[in-house]
Protein backbone atom coordinates (compact mmCIF):
# COMPACT_ATOMS: atom_id res chain seq x y z
CA MET A 1 -20.89 -21.62 16.71
CA GLU A 2 -19.06 -20.67 19.78
CA VAL A 3 -16.84 -17.38 19.06
CA LYS A 4 -15.93 -16.87 22.85
CA GLY A 5 -12.33 -16.39 23.34
CA GLN A 6 -11.63 -15.41 19.58
CA LYS A 7 -9.06 -12.42 18.98
CA ILE A 8 -9.94 -9.60 17.81
CA LEU A 9 -8.37 -6.30 17.00
CA ILE A 10 -9.84 -2.26 17.68
CA VAL A 11 -8.01 0.48 16.05
CA GLU A 12 -9.56 3.40 16.86
CA ASP A 13 -7.80 7.07 17.64
CA GLU A 14 -10.54 8.35 20.11
CA ASP A 15 -9.08 6.92 23.62
CA ASN A 16 -12.77 7.09 25.35
CA LEU A 17 -14.49 5.17 22.49
CA ARG A 18 -11.72 2.63 21.89
CA GLU A 19 -11.63 1.51 26.03
CA LEU A 20 -15.86 1.47 25.83
CA LEU A 21 -15.68 -0.79 22.58
CA THR A 22 -13.24 -3.01 24.10
CA LYS A 23 -15.04 -3.56 27.33
CA LEU A 24 -18.27 -3.89 25.34
CA LEU A 25 -16.64 -6.79 23.37
CA MET A 26 -14.59 -8.33 26.10
CA LEU A 27 -17.85 -8.66 28.30
CA GLU A 28 -19.32 -10.76 24.84
CA GLY A 29 -16.31 -13.19 25.50
CA PHE A 30 -13.86 -12.03 22.90
CA GLU A 31 -10.01 -11.45 23.56
CA VAL A 32 -9.40 -7.78 22.56
CA PHE A 33 -6.55 -6.08 21.49
CA SER A 34 -6.34 -2.37 20.68
CA ALA A 35 -4.21 0.15 18.96
CA PRO A 36 -4.73 3.80 18.52
CA ASP A 37 -3.50 4.10 15.22
CA VAL A 38 -2.53 1.59 11.84
CA THR A 39 1.22 1.41 12.76
CA THR A 40 0.33 -0.31 16.28
CA GLY A 41 -2.59 -2.30 14.76
CA LEU A 42 -0.28 -3.74 12.12
CA GLY A 43 2.21 -4.90 14.78
CA ILE A 44 -0.38 -6.44 16.69
CA LEU A 45 -1.73 -8.26 13.16
CA GLU A 46 2.00 -9.60 12.59
CA LYS A 47 1.99 -11.16 16.11
CA GLN A 48 -1.36 -12.61 16.65
CA THR A 49 -4.22 -14.38 14.55
CA LEU A 50 -6.94 -12.30 14.37
CA SER A 51 -10.54 -13.05 13.16
CA LEU A 52 -11.55 -9.54 13.21
CA VAL A 53 -10.29 -6.10 13.00
CA ILE A 54 -12.77 -2.97 13.82
CA THR A 55 -11.54 0.00 12.38
CA ASP A 56 -12.16 3.50 12.00
CA VAL A 57 -12.42 5.49 9.20
CA GLN A 58 -10.28 8.66 10.31
CA LEU A 59 -7.12 7.40 11.70
CA PRO A 60 -3.90 9.62 12.30
CA ASP A 61 -1.69 7.81 10.08
CA THR A 62 -3.95 6.59 7.14
CA ASN A 63 -7.58 6.01 6.03
CA GLY A 64 -9.49 2.99 7.63
CA LEU A 65 -10.50 1.96 4.08
CA GLU A 66 -6.73 1.83 2.99
CA PHE A 67 -6.19 -0.32 6.09
CA THR A 68 -8.89 -2.39 5.40
CA LYS A 69 -7.37 -2.97 1.67
CA LEU A 70 -4.21 -3.79 3.23
CA ILE A 71 -5.67 -6.18 5.71
CA LYS A 72 -7.59 -8.19 3.14
CA SER A 73 -4.69 -8.77 0.92
CA GLN A 74 -2.02 -9.60 3.65
CA TYR A 75 -4.78 -11.57 6.06
CA PRO A 76 -7.67 -12.64 4.07
CA LEU A 77 -8.99 -14.88 6.72
CA THR A 78 -9.76 -11.74 8.84
CA GLU A 79 -12.68 -10.19 8.54
CA VAL A 80 -13.05 -6.19 8.80
CA ILE A 81 -15.79 -4.09 10.07
CA VAL A 82 -15.48 -0.13 9.38
CA LEU A 83 -16.65 2.29 11.90
CA THR A 84 -17.21 5.92 10.79
CA ALA A 85 -18.64 9.11 12.70
CA PHE A 86 -20.27 10.25 9.44
CA GLY A 87 -21.43 7.27 7.59
CA ASN A 88 -22.17 7.69 3.93
CA ILE A 89 -22.98 5.62 1.12
CA LYS A 90 -20.23 6.32 -1.49
CA ASP A 91 -17.56 5.26 1.69
CA GLY A 92 -19.82 2.03 2.94
CA VAL A 93 -20.06 0.70 -0.76
CA LYS A 94 -16.25 1.54 -1.07
CA ALA A 95 -15.40 -0.29 2.03
CA MET A 96 -17.79 -3.37 1.33
CA LYS A 97 -15.71 -3.46 -2.21
CA MET A 98 -12.49 -3.37 -0.35
CA GLY A 99 -13.65 -6.65 1.45
CA ALA A 100 -15.17 -4.82 4.82
CA PHE A 101 -17.30 -7.50 6.59
CA ASP A 102 -19.80 -4.37 7.33
CA TYR A 103 -19.78 -0.56 7.70
CA LEU A 104 -21.28 1.09 10.85
CA THR A 105 -22.14 4.49 11.80
CA LYS A 106 -20.58 5.11 15.35
CA GLY A 107 -23.33 5.58 17.83
CA ASP A 108 -26.04 3.78 15.48
CA GLY A 109 -23.60 0.60 15.33
CA ASP A 110 -22.85 0.42 19.30
CA GLU A 111 -26.12 -1.84 19.91
CA LYS A 112 -25.44 -3.97 16.84
CA LEU A 113 -21.97 -3.81 16.88
CA PRO A 114 -21.40 -7.32 19.26
CA LEU A 115 -23.87 -9.31 17.13
CA VAL A 116 -22.27 -8.04 13.70
CA ALA A 117 -18.82 -8.97 15.34
CA ALA A 118 -20.12 -11.88 16.36
CA LYS A 119 -21.15 -12.62 12.68
CA ALA A 120 -17.99 -11.67 11.28
CA VAL A 121 -15.93 -13.81 14.02
CA GLU A 122 -17.89 -16.93 12.94
CA LYS A 123 -17.15 -16.09 9.22
CA ALA A 124 -13.71 -16.02 10.03
CA VAL A 125 -13.87 -19.35 11.98
CA LEU A 126 -15.79 -21.14 9.32
CA ASN A 127 -13.31 -19.88 6.58
CA ARG A 128 -9.99 -21.14 8.41
CA GLN A 129 -11.89 -24.27 8.94
CA LEU A 130 -12.76 -24.60 5.24
CA GLN A 131 -9.21 -23.68 4.40
CA GLU A 132 -7.77 -26.45 6.72
CA PHE A 133 -10.22 -28.94 5.36
CA GLU A 134 -8.98 -28.24 1.71
CA PHE A 135 -5.54 -28.65 2.63
CA ARG A 136 -6.01 -31.84 4.26
CA LEU A 137 -7.86 -33.25 1.62
CA GLU A 138 -5.30 -31.65 -0.94
CA SER A 139 -2.57 -33.37 0.80
CA LYS A 140 -4.50 -36.86 1.52
CA SER A 141 -5.81 -37.19 -2.25
CA SER A 142 -2.45 -35.65 -3.50
CA PHE A 143 -1.02 -37.00 -6.49
CA SER A 144 2.09 -34.97 -6.28
CA LYS A 145 3.76 -37.98 -4.30
CA ILE A 146 4.48 -39.52 -7.29
CA ILE A 147 7.41 -38.57 -9.65
CA GLY A 148 7.82 -38.88 -13.23
CA GLN A 149 7.00 -36.27 -16.36
CA SER A 150 6.50 -39.21 -18.90
CA THR A 151 3.61 -39.12 -21.19
CA ALA A 152 2.38 -42.59 -20.18
CA LEU A 153 2.54 -41.56 -16.43
CA GLN A 154 0.56 -38.25 -16.66
CA LYS A 155 -2.05 -40.14 -18.41
CA THR A 156 -2.30 -42.87 -15.81
CA ILE A 157 -2.51 -39.83 -13.20
CA ASP A 158 -5.31 -38.12 -15.14
CA LEU A 159 -6.94 -41.46 -15.28
CA ALA A 160 -6.59 -42.13 -11.87
CA LYS A 161 -7.73 -38.65 -10.65
CA LYS A 162 -11.02 -39.14 -12.45
CA VAL A 163 -11.63 -42.55 -10.81
CA ALA A 164 -10.44 -41.14 -7.59
CA ILE A 165 -13.96 -39.33 -7.17
CA THR A 166 -15.64 -42.32 -7.72
CA ASP A 167 -16.58 -45.60 -5.89
CA THR A 168 -14.96 -47.91 -8.24
CA THR A 169 -12.93 -50.96 -7.40
CA VAL A 170 -9.50 -50.35 -9.15
CA LEU A 171 -6.88 -53.36 -9.47
CA LEU A 172 -2.96 -51.66 -9.81
CA LEU A 173 -0.67 -54.36 -11.32
CA GLY A 174 3.12 -53.37 -11.90
CA GLU A 175 6.60 -54.55 -11.21
CA THR A 176 7.92 -54.04 -7.61
CA GLY A 177 9.39 -50.67 -7.21
CA THR A 178 6.89 -48.75 -9.61
CA GLY A 179 4.92 -46.97 -7.39
CA LYS A 180 1.46 -49.04 -6.90
CA GLU A 181 1.25 -48.47 -3.33
CA LEU A 182 1.67 -44.68 -4.03
CA MET A 183 -0.92 -44.68 -6.58
CA ALA A 184 -3.34 -46.60 -4.28
CA GLU A 185 -2.33 -43.93 -1.71
CA ALA A 186 -3.14 -41.03 -4.17
CA ILE A 187 -6.58 -42.69 -5.36
CA HIS A 188 -7.92 -43.14 -1.83
């Protein structure tokens, strides 16, 4: 899967490391945004559709783990990689429970980061595609265009939903204006 051109955000308060990571990931073909703190990062998140956020644990205005939790609650299709200077199992587990894609130690993760970022972006792209396909499927096979709340109509809709998932021929009979065409569209 092609991940080049996908948008990612690096939130890191150390200027040199932020610039290094930005250059490293730009060389991999990503469109990279960077921020020195969570407040700036949130501003970018609001304006851009990002596939990935890479965040430090220790940030000046909040903890990177809390930032991860916030991202996953407000932007569930955006993946998060958490970076830390002092990796420990407890924080790693906490990050993963909050929805992080991965938890890397600075220095150790420099070689791994481009590969892990590519995998995270690939997951985000696939999840977006899945959501789009589900939306299309739901809107195409939706019975929401059929208006009515009578028991007889609800039973007919329930039966039509069961038939819609099979490869069965259906004959719809009724007077003009009773919704046969809408029912046929919903079944197909």
